[in-house]
Amino acid sequence: SAISQIYYNNDELDKALEFIDIALEETSDLEIIISLKISKAQYLRKNNQIDEAFNIFQNIPEENLTLSAKNELFFIYMDNNDCNSAINLGVDLFLQMEEDSSISMAALSQLAFNIAACYNQQADVTYNEIIEYMASENQSNDLTQEFLDKCEKVKELYSLAKDYYRLSLDYDESDPPNESTKKLKKKMRSDIRKIDNQVIPLLENILK
């Protein structure tokens, strides 16, 4: 296990995986096996073997997952482009990590940023659907009303993204704070105003 960690730290991932498998063969202690499997999932994710990493977590009971393991699973969901599962896990995980004094400020800032990125992505996807509808010829009052309702959902998602970008900045110990995060937070406010001032009025004009 120690040898595998050294290889991992040196970015020699094939060797890290080789020795973590040897470690797994050398123990029958369930607690150690779970710890080693979580480490293996981390190595696999870094080696872009996302499906294999995810399969490891599927076979570990949730009650056996540490905060660090849940954090790793969160990023596996993100790497697998499953923002919905990432959010469902990440929101509660963030609260648990806030309560744990052993968790670093940097880890909290990173998790908050990526939760924000997930909300941001979900909002962008639906926003693009709205724009495509406005440019289409297949329009009706019922459909237009559905997309007006989607506007409210998008505003909610952008607002949640803004809140988590702010939390990321709150826990960011770098000096000065990350400028890209500040810009993204401002963009969320701008996108909400755009929906209110431009998109919703245009959709309302489509209503007959």
C-alpha atoms as a PDB file:
ATOM      1  CA  SER A   1       0.000   0.000   0.000  1.00  0.00           C
ATOM      2  CA  ALA A   2       2.785   2.434   0.883  1.00  0.00           C
ATOM      3  CA  ILE A   3       4.672   1.564  -2.294  1.00  0.00           C
ATOM      4  CA  SER A   4       1.524   2.112  -4.361  1.00  0.00           C
ATOM      5  CA  GLN A   5       1.063   5.536  -2.754  1.00  0.00           C
ATOM      6  CA  ILE A   6       4.642   6.496  -3.645  1.00  0.00           C
ATOM      7  CA  TYR A   7       4.061   5.522  -7.269  1.00  0.00           C
ATOM      8  CA  TYR A   8       0.766   7.455  -7.259  1.00  0.00           C
ATOM      9  CA  ASN A   9       2.497  10.569  -5.915  1.00  0.00           C
ATOM     10  CA  ASN A  10       5.042  10.232  -8.723  1.00  0.00           C
ATOM     11  CA  ASP A  11       2.254   9.884 -11.344  1.00  0.00           C
ATOM     12  CA  GLU A  12       3.323   6.314 -12.128  1.00  0.00           C
ATOM     13  CA  LEU A  13      -0.275   5.117 -12.136  1.00  0.00           C
ATOM     14  CA  ASP A  14       0.214   1.682 -13.699  1.00  0.00           C
ATOM     15  CA  LYS A  15       2.703   0.809 -10.947  1.00  0.00           C
ATOM     16  CA  ALA A  16       0.407   2.307  -8.295  1.00  0.00           C
ATOM     17  CA  LEU A  17      -2.434   0.079  -9.486  1.00  0.00           C
ATOM     18  CA  GLU A  18      -0.145  -2.956  -9.638  1.00  0.00           C
ATOM     19  CA  PHE A  19       0.921  -2.581  -6.015  1.00  0.00           C
ATOM     20  CA  ILE A  20      -2.542  -1.705  -4.694  1.00  0.00           C
ATOM     21  CA  ASP A  21      -3.751  -5.010  -6.193  1.00  0.00           C
ATOM     22  CA  ILE A  22      -0.897  -6.834  -4.439  1.00  0.00           C
ATOM     23  CA  ALA A  23      -1.916  -5.144  -1.175  1.00  0.00           C
ATOM     24  CA  LEU A  24      -5.517  -6.287  -1.680  1.00  0.00           C
ATOM     25  CA  GLU A  25      -4.335  -9.872  -2.167  1.00  0.00           C
ATOM     26  CA  GLU A  26      -2.342  -9.740   1.075  1.00  0.00           C
ATOM     27  CA  THR A  27      -5.166  -8.875   3.498  1.00  0.00           C
ATOM     28  CA  SER A  28      -8.472 -10.297   4.634  1.00  0.00           C
ATOM     29  CA  ASP A  29      -9.285  -7.411   7.007  1.00  0.00           C
ATOM     30  CA  LEU A  30     -12.552  -5.882   5.743  1.00  0.00           C
ATOM     31  CA  GLU A  31     -11.748  -2.353   6.947  1.00  0.00           C
ATOM     32  CA  ILE A  32      -8.362  -2.410   5.238  1.00  0.00           C
ATOM     33  CA  ILE A  33      -9.868  -3.875   2.052  1.00  0.00           C
ATOM     34  CA  ILE A  34     -12.396  -1.035   1.854  1.00  0.00           C
ATOM     35  CA  SER A  35      -9.655   1.551   2.415  1.00  0.00           C
ATOM     36  CA  LEU A  36      -7.491  -0.025  -0.301  1.00  0.00           C
ATOM     37  CA  LYS A  37     -10.400  -0.214  -2.744  1.00  0.00           C
ATOM     38  CA  ILE A  38     -11.138   3.485  -2.219  1.00  0.00           C
ATOM     39  CA  SER A  39      -7.469   4.256  -2.923  1.00  0.00           C
ATOM     40  CA  LYS A  40      -7.655   2.088  -6.041  1.00  0.00           C
ATOM     41  CA  ALA A  41     -10.733   4.011  -7.224  1.00  0.00           C
ATOM     42  CA  GLN A  42      -8.777   7.255  -6.771  1.00  0.00           C
ATOM     43  CA  TYR A  43      -5.899   5.881  -8.868  1.00  0.00           C
ATOM     44  CA  LEU A  44      -8.301   4.650 -11.561  1.00  0.00           C
ATOM     45  CA  ARG A  45     -10.029   8.031 -11.769  1.00  0.00           C
ATOM     46  CA  LYS A  46      -6.714   9.817 -12.189  1.00  0.00           C
ATOM     47  CA  ASN A  47      -5.854   7.246 -14.883  1.00  0.00           C
ATOM     48  CA  ASN A  48      -9.128   8.149 -16.688  1.00  0.00           C
ATOM     49  CA  GLN A  49     -10.602   4.703 -15.983  1.00  0.00           C
ATOM     50  CA  ILE A  50     -13.831   6.275 -14.749  1.00  0.00           C
ATOM     51  CA  ASP A  51     -16.162   3.297 -15.216  1.00  0.00           C
ATOM     52  CA  GLU A  52     -13.821   0.979 -13.302  1.00  0.00           C
ATOM     53  CA  ALA A  53     -13.492   3.531 -10.496  1.00  0.00           C
ATOM     54  CA  PHE A  54     -17.261   3.903 -10.288  1.00  0.00           C
ATOM     55  CA  ASN A  55     -17.773   0.117 -10.208  1.00  0.00           C
ATOM     56  CA  ILE A  56     -15.604  -0.076  -7.078  1.00  0.00           C
ATOM     57  CA  PHE A  57     -17.857   2.389  -5.255  1.00  0.00           C
ATOM     58  CA  GLN A  58     -20.984   0.518  -6.328  1.00  0.00           C
ATOM     59  CA  ASN A  59     -19.743  -2.489  -4.355  1.00  0.00           C
ATOM     60  CA  ILE A  60     -18.959  -0.585  -1.143  1.00  0.00           C
ATOM     61  CA  PRO A  61     -21.887   0.045   1.275  1.00  0.00           C
ATOM     62  CA  GLU A  62     -22.511   3.787   1.696  1.00  0.00           C
ATOM     63  CA  GLU A  63     -22.127   3.564   5.484  1.00  0.00           C
ATOM     64  CA  ASN A  64     -18.518   2.435   4.952  1.00  0.00           C
ATOM     65  CA  LEU A  65     -17.597   5.514   2.925  1.00  0.00           C
ATOM     66  CA  THR A  66     -15.539   8.178   4.676  1.00  0.00           C
ATOM     67  CA  LEU A  67     -15.947  11.861   3.805  1.00  0.00           C
ATOM     68  CA  SER A  68     -12.798  11.581   1.700  1.00  0.00           C
ATOM     69  CA  ALA A  69     -14.275   8.605  -0.173  1.00  0.00           C
ATOM     70  CA  LYS A  70     -17.554  10.438  -0.780  1.00  0.00           C
ATOM     71  CA  ASN A  71     -15.561  13.384  -2.071  1.00  0.00           C
ATOM     72  CA  GLU A  72     -13.786  11.042  -4.492  1.00  0.00           C
ATOM     73  CA  LEU A  73     -17.144   9.612  -5.610  1.00  0.00           C
ATOM     74  CA  PHE A  74     -18.432  13.151  -6.196  1.00  0.00           C
ATOM     75  CA  PHE A  75     -15.605  13.786  -8.667  1.00  0.00           C
ATOM     76  CA  ILE A  76     -16.203  10.435 -10.351  1.00  0.00           C
ATOM     77  CA  TYR A  77     -19.807  11.515 -10.981  1.00  0.00           C
ATOM     78  CA  MET A  78     -18.508  14.784 -12.419  1.00  0.00           C
ATOM     79  CA  ASP A  79     -15.971  13.012 -14.630  1.00  0.00           C
ATOM     80  CA  ASN A  80     -18.819  10.785 -15.821  1.00  0.00           C
ATOM     81  CA  ASN A  81     -20.817  13.916 -16.735  1.00  0.00           C
ATOM     82  CA  ASP A  82     -23.497  12.976 -14.172  1.00  0.00           C
ATOM     83  CA  CYS A  83     -24.078  16.337 -12.541  1.00  0.00           C
ATOM     84  CA  ASN A  84     -27.411  15.293 -11.066  1.00  0.00           C
ATOM     85  CA  SER A  85     -25.834  12.497  -8.994  1.00  0.00           C
ATOM     86  CA  ALA A  86     -22.884  14.753  -8.144  1.00  0.00           C
ATOM     87  CA  ILE A  87     -25.226  17.433  -6.778  1.00  0.00           C
ATOM     88  CA  ASN A  88     -27.330  14.911  -4.848  1.00  0.00           C
ATOM     89  CA  LEU A  89     -24.174  13.681  -3.132  1.00  0.00           C
ATOM     90  CA  GLY A  90     -22.268  16.961  -2.971  1.00  0.00           C
ATOM     91  CA  VAL A  91     -24.777  19.197  -1.201  1.00  0.00           C
ATOM     92  CA  ASP A  92     -25.005  17.013   1.925  1.00  0.00           C
ATOM     93  CA  LEU A  93     -21.317  16.163   1.705  1.00  0.00           C
ATOM     94  CA  PHE A  94     -20.386  19.840   1.799  1.00  0.00           C
ATOM     95  CA  LEU A  95     -22.363  20.330   5.026  1.00  0.00           C
ATOM     96  CA  GLN A  96     -20.699  17.277   6.586  1.00  0.00           C
ATOM     97  CA  MET A  97     -17.246  18.488   5.564  1.00  0.00           C
ATOM     98  CA  GLU A  98     -17.963  21.934   7.033  1.00  0.00           C
ATOM     99  CA  GLU A  99     -18.606  20.263  10.394  1.00  0.00           C
ATOM    100  CA  ASP A 100     -15.351  18.301  10.297  1.00  0.00           C
ATOM    101  CA  SER A 101     -12.397  20.310  11.596  1.00  0.00           C
ATOM    102  CA  SER A 102      -9.928  17.973   9.866  1.00  0.00           C
ATOM    103  CA  ILE A 103     -11.155  19.050   6.414  1.00  0.00           C
ATOM    104  CA  SER A 104      -9.000  21.746   4.853  1.00  0.00           C
ATOM    105  CA  MET A 105     -10.346  25.078   3.650  1.00  0.00           C
ATOM    106  CA  ALA A 106      -8.960  24.260   0.196  1.00  0.00           C
ATOM    107  CA  ALA A 107     -10.996  21.036   0.015  1.00  0.00           C
ATOM    108  CA  LEU A 108     -14.180  22.916   0.975  1.00  0.00           C
ATOM    109  CA  SER A 109     -13.467  25.626  -1.586  1.00  0.00           C
ATOM    110  CA  GLN A 110     -12.852  23.039  -4.302  1.00  0.00           C
ATOM    111  CA  LEU A 111     -16.021  21.082  -3.524  1.00  0.00           C
ATOM    112  CA  ALA A 112     -18.158  24.229  -3.414  1.00  0.00           C
ATOM    113  CA  PHE A 113     -16.717  25.372  -6.757  1.00  0.00           C
ATOM    114  CA  ASN A 114     -17.535  22.068  -8.419  1.00  0.00           C
ATOM    115  CA  ILE A 115     -21.061  21.916  -6.980  1.00  0.00           C
ATOM    116  CA  ALA A 116     -21.521  25.399  -8.447  1.00  0.00           C
ATOM    117  CA  ALA A 117     -20.146  24.173 -11.776  1.00  0.00           C
ATOM    118  CA  CYS A 118     -22.724  21.356 -11.793  1.00  0.00           C
ATOM    119  CA  TYR A 119     -25.621  23.741 -11.144  1.00  0.00           C
ATOM    120  CA  ASN A 120     -24.156  26.070 -13.775  1.00  0.00           C
ATOM    121  CA  GLN A 121     -24.020  23.263 -16.346  1.00  0.00           C
ATOM    122  CA  GLN A 122     -27.593  22.158 -15.640  1.00  0.00           C
ATOM    123  CA  ALA A 123     -28.779  25.745 -16.058  1.00  0.00           C
ATOM    124  CA  ASP A 124     -26.848  26.196 -19.311  1.00  0.00           C
ATOM    125  CA  VAL A 125     -28.339  23.018 -20.809  1.00  0.00           C
ATOM    126  CA  THR A 126     -31.919  24.138 -20.134  1.00  0.00           C
ATOM    127  CA  TYR A 127     -31.148  27.717 -21.171  1.00  0.00           C
ATOM    128  CA  ASN A 128     -29.936  26.443 -24.552  1.00  0.00           C
ATOM    129  CA  GLU A 129     -33.142  24.409 -24.923  1.00  0.00           C
ATOM    130  CA  ILE A 130     -35.135  27.610 -24.373  1.00  0.00           C
ATOM    131  CA  ILE A 131     -33.123  29.522 -26.981  1.00  0.00           C
ATOM    132  CA  GLU A 132     -33.536  26.671 -29.506  1.00  0.00           C
ATOM    133  CA  TYR A 133     -37.304  26.685 -28.917  1.00  0.00           C
ATOM    134  CA  MET A 134     -37.504  30.432 -29.503  1.00  0.00           C
ATOM    135  CA  ALA A 135     -35.799  29.960 -32.880  1.00  0.00           C
ATOM    136  CA  SER A 136     -37.947  26.996 -33.919  1.00  0.00           C
ATOM    137  CA  GLU A 137     -41.116  26.965 -35.996  1.00  0.00           C
ATOM    138  CA  ASN A 138     -42.789  24.427 -33.710  1.00  0.00           C
ATOM    139  CA  GLN A 139     -44.326  26.869 -31.238  1.00  0.00           C
ATOM    140  CA  SER A 140     -47.614  26.830 -29.372  1.00  0.00           C
ATOM    141  CA  ASN A 141     -49.113  28.470 -26.317  1.00  0.00           C
ATOM    142  CA  ASP A 142     -48.768  25.267 -24.291  1.00  0.00           C
ATOM    143  CA  LEU A 143     -45.122  24.788 -25.268  1.00  0.00           C
ATOM    144  CA  THR A 144     -44.341  28.433 -24.696  1.00  0.00           C
ATOM    145  CA  GLN A 145     -45.813  28.245 -21.208  1.00  0.00           C
ATOM    146  CA  GLU A 146     -43.664  25.180 -20.498  1.00  0.00           C
ATOM    147  CA  PHE A 147     -40.563  27.122 -21.510  1.00  0.00           C
ATOM    148  CA  LEU A 148     -41.617  30.088 -19.411  1.00  0.00           C
ATOM    149  CA  ASP A 149     -41.737  27.678 -16.474  1.00  0.00           C
ATOM    150  CA  LYS A 150     -38.283  26.420 -17.466  1.00  0.00           C
ATOM    151  CA  CYS A 151     -37.027  30.002 -17.257  1.00  0.00           C
ATOM    152  CA  GLU A 152     -37.868  30.033 -13.556  1.00  0.00           C
ATOM    153  CA  LYS A 153     -36.046  26.725 -13.097  1.00  0.00           C
ATOM    154  CA  VAL A 154     -32.981  28.068 -14.899  1.00  0.00           C
ATOM    155  CA  LYS A 155     -32.969  31.190 -12.707  1.00  0.00           C
ATOM    156  CA  GLU A 156     -33.098  28.952  -9.622  1.00  0.00           C
ATOM    157  CA  LEU A 157     -30.157  26.870 -10.887  1.00  0.00           C
ATOM    158  CA  TYR A 158     -28.084  29.958 -11.693  1.00  0.00           C
ATOM    159  CA  SER A 159     -28.881  31.327  -8.241  1.00  0.00           C
ATOM    160  CA  LEU A 160     -27.722  28.085  -6.591  1.00  0.00           C
ATOM    161  CA  ALA A 161     -24.562  28.164  -8.699  1.00  0.00           C
ATOM    162  CA  LYS A 162     -23.940  31.751  -7.585  1.00  0.00           C
ATOM    163  CA  ASP A 163     -24.342  30.748  -3.926  1.00  0.00           C
ATOM    164  CA  TYR A 164     -21.811  27.933  -4.213  1.00  0.00           C
ATOM    165  CA  TYR A 165     -19.319  30.081  -6.142  1.00  0.00           C
ATOM    166  CA  ARG A 166     -19.623  32.513  -3.231  1.00  0.00           C
ATOM    167  CA  LEU A 167     -18.995  29.680  -0.742  1.00  0.00           C
ATOM    168  CA  SER A 168     -15.972  28.655  -2.759  1.00  0.00           C
ATOM    169  CA  LEU A 169     -14.617  32.192  -2.412  1.00  0.00           C
ATOM    170  CA  ASP A 170     -15.426  32.216   1.314  1.00  0.00           C
ATOM    171  CA  TYR A 171     -13.159  29.196   1.837  1.00  0.00           C
ATOM    172  CA  ASP A 172     -10.516  30.296  -0.659  1.00  0.00           C
ATOM    173  CA  GLU A 173      -7.391  31.135   1.355  1.00  0.00           C
ATOM    174  CA  SER A 174      -5.377  32.314  -1.650  1.00  0.00           C
ATOM    175  CA  ASP A 175      -4.411  35.969  -1.762  1.00  0.00           C
ATOM    176  CA  PRO A 176      -5.900  37.463  -3.828  1.00  0.00           C
ATOM    177  CA  PRO A 177      -8.963  35.159  -4.125  1.00  0.00           C
ATOM    178  CA  ASN A 178      -9.471  33.268  -7.372  1.00  0.00           C
ATOM    179  CA  GLU A 179     -10.483  35.840  -9.994  1.00  0.00           C
ATOM    180  CA  SER A 180     -12.133  33.287 -12.281  1.00  0.00           C
ATOM    181  CA  THR A 181     -14.486  32.240  -9.470  1.00  0.00           C
ATOM    182  CA  LYS A 182     -15.396  35.886  -8.829  1.00  0.00           C
ATOM    183  CA  LYS A 183     -16.140  36.336 -12.535  1.00  0.00           C
ATOM    184  CA  LEU A 184     -18.319  33.219 -12.616  1.00  0.00           C
ATOM    185  CA  LYS A 185     -20.271  34.420  -9.581  1.00  0.00           C
ATOM    186  CA  LYS A 186     -20.919  37.755 -11.325  1.00  0.00           C
ATOM    187  CA  LYS A 187     -21.877  35.928 -14.528  1.00  0.00           C
ATOM    188  CA  MET A 188     -24.591  34.001 -12.678  1.00  0.00           C
ATOM    189  CA  ARG A 189     -26.189  37.292 -11.628  1.00  0.00           C
ATOM    190  CA  SER A 190     -25.876  38.577 -15.184  1.00  0.00           C
ATOM    191  CA  ASP A 191     -27.464  35.429 -16.626  1.00  0.00           C
ATOM    192  CA  ILE A 192     -30.424  35.726 -14.246  1.00  0.00           C
ATOM    193  CA  ARG A 193     -30.961  39.335 -15.342  1.00  0.00           C
ATOM    194  CA  LYS A 194     -30.748  38.285 -18.992  1.00  0.00           C
ATOM    195  CA  ILE A 195     -33.563  35.781 -18.488  1.00  0.00           C
ATOM    196  CA  ASP A 196     -35.715  38.351 -16.699  1.00  0.00           C
ATOM    197  CA  ASN A 197     -35.045  41.232 -19.075  1.00  0.00           C
ATOM    198  CA  GLN A 198     -34.692  39.500 -22.432  1.00  0.00           C
ATOM    199  CA  VAL A 199     -35.747  35.857 -22.579  1.00  0.00           C
ATOM    200  CA  ILE A 200     -39.006  35.965 -20.628  1.00  0.00           C
ATOM    201  CA  PRO A 201     -40.356  39.047 -22.513  1.00  0.00           C
ATOM    202  CA  LEU A 202     -39.565  37.383 -25.840  1.00  0.00           C
ATOM    203  CA  LEU A 203     -41.347  34.197 -24.807  1.00  0.00           C
ATOM    204  CA  GLU A 204     -44.342  36.188 -23.586  1.00  0.00           C
ATOM    205  CA  ASN A 205     -44.539  37.815 -27.022  1.00  0.00           C
ATOM    206  CA  ILE A 206     -44.883  34.365 -28.585  1.00  0.00           C
ATOM    207  CA  LEU A 207     -48.047  33.682 -26.574  1.00  0.00           C
ATOM    208  CA  LYS A 208     -51.106  34.183 -28.757  1.00  0.00           C
END
